[in-house]
Protein backbone atom coordinates (compact mmCIF):
# COMPACT_ATOMS: atom_id res chain seq x y z
CA PHE A 1 0.00 0.00 0.00
CA THR A 2 1.05 3.60 -0.46
CA LEU A 3 0.54 6.34 2.08
CA THR A 4 -0.19 9.91 1.09
CA LEU A 5 1.28 12.41 3.52
CA THR A 6 -0.42 15.57 4.64
CA ASN A 7 1.08 19.02 4.56
CA GLY A 8 0.67 19.66 8.30
CA SER A 9 -2.75 21.27 7.96
CA GLY A 10 -4.48 17.89 7.94
CA LYS A 11 -5.27 18.22 4.25
CA ALA A 12 -3.68 15.86 1.77
CA LYS A 13 -1.25 17.39 -0.68
CA ALA A 14 -2.12 17.24 -4.36
CA ASN A 15 -1.00 13.93 -5.85
CA SER A 16 1.65 15.58 -8.00
CA GLU A 17 3.50 16.96 -4.97
CA ALA A 18 2.74 14.38 -2.26
CA PRO A 19 5.72 12.39 -1.02
CA ARG A 20 5.10 8.65 -1.32
CA ILE A 21 6.23 6.14 1.25
CA SER A 22 5.43 2.45 1.09
CA VAL A 23 5.80 0.13 4.08
CA TYR A 24 5.52 -3.58 3.24
CA PRO A 25 4.78 -6.43 3.76
CA ASN A 26 2.18 -5.97 6.46
CA PRO A 27 1.74 -8.26 8.28
CA THR A 28 5.36 -9.36 8.22
CA GLU A 29 7.51 -12.06 9.77
CA ASP A 30 11.10 -10.81 9.92
CA ILE A 31 11.70 -8.07 7.33
CA LEU A 32 9.96 -4.75 6.73
CA HIS A 33 10.71 -2.63 3.65
CA VAL A 34 10.40 1.16 3.63
CA SER A 35 10.30 2.60 0.12
CA LEU A 36 10.78 6.34 -0.44
CA ASN A 37 10.05 7.93 -3.82
CA GLU A 38 11.79 10.72 -5.69
CA SER A 39 9.89 13.57 -4.00
CA ILE A 40 11.52 12.84 -0.62
CA GLY A 41 14.99 14.15 0.12
CA GLY A 42 17.20 14.88 3.08
CA GLU A 43 17.56 13.03 6.35
CA VAL A 44 14.79 10.50 6.96
CA SER A 45 14.32 9.00 10.42
CA VAL A 46 12.54 5.68 10.91
CA TYR A 47 11.44 4.62 14.40
CA VAL A 48 9.71 1.40 15.40
CA TYR A 49 7.84 1.48 18.73
CA ASP A 50 6.35 -1.37 20.71
CA VAL A 51 2.84 -1.10 22.21
CA LEU A 52 4.32 0.43 25.40
CA GLY A 53 5.85 3.28 23.41
CA LYS A 54 9.45 2.08 23.72
CA VAL A 55 11.66 2.64 20.67
CA VAL A 56 12.86 -0.82 19.60
CA ILE A 57 14.45 0.09 16.23
CA THR A 58 15.91 3.36 14.94
CA LYS A 59 17.25 3.89 11.43
CA MET A 60 18.56 7.11 9.89
CA ILE A 61 18.58 7.39 6.09
CA GLU A 62 20.24 10.09 4.01
CA LYS A 63 18.19 10.32 0.82
CA SER A 64 18.72 12.50 -2.24
CA PHE A 65 15.90 13.80 -4.39
CA GLU A 66 15.40 12.28 -7.85
CA THR A 67 16.11 8.73 -6.69
CA ARG A 68 13.85 6.02 -5.33
CA ARG A 69 15.25 4.21 -2.30
CA THR A 70 14.14 1.14 -0.37
CA GLU A 71 15.50 0.37 3.08
CA THR A 72 15.08 -2.91 4.92
CA LEU A 73 14.39 -3.19 8.64
CA GLN A 74 15.18 -6.47 10.41
CA LEU A 75 12.36 -7.39 12.79
CA SER A 76 13.61 -10.92 13.55
CA GLY A 77 14.70 -9.91 17.07
CA LEU A 78 11.21 -8.67 17.97
CA SER A 79 8.40 -10.70 19.48
CA ALA A 80 5.19 -11.27 17.53
CA GLY A 81 2.72 -8.43 18.04
CA THR A 82 1.73 -4.93 17.06
CA TYR A 83 4.30 -2.21 16.39
CA PHE A 84 4.11 1.41 15.30
CA VAL A 85 6.42 2.68 12.56
CA GLN A 86 7.02 6.42 12.51
CA ILE A 87 8.82 7.96 9.54
CA GLN A 88 9.96 11.58 9.67
CA THR A 89 11.17 13.40 6.57
CA PRO A 90 12.06 17.07 6.13
CA GLN A 91 8.77 17.38 4.22
CA SER A 92 6.35 15.45 6.49
CA SER A 93 5.93 12.61 8.92
CA PHE A 94 3.50 9.76 9.43
CA SER A 95 2.92 6.65 11.49
CA GLU A 96 1.78 3.19 10.45
CA VAL A 97 0.69 0.16 12.47
CA VAL A 98 2.60 -3.00 11.54
CA ILE A 99 1.80 -6.53 12.64
CA LYS A 100 4.69 -8.94 13.20
CA LYS A 101 3.74 -12.60 12.99
């Protein structure tokens, strides 16, 4: 699935300017992919939280505009359950619920 980010006002940006981030597969077993499209650039922070709000994974990505990039997160060390993935870019941020089997 693809998430459309908002511009901070709660209103979705027009499709032509909206950064696209894909988080997959969901549910997952051991690996989670984070795909960033060409409209996202700069330092991207990825945080994975458990249901108690504890950060269990942190990944910093330096991404240039004009290139698509996919990063892989290893979830094999985590117990099965529900996790929250928060991705912060210079343009926007969003959170996604991920289920680990």
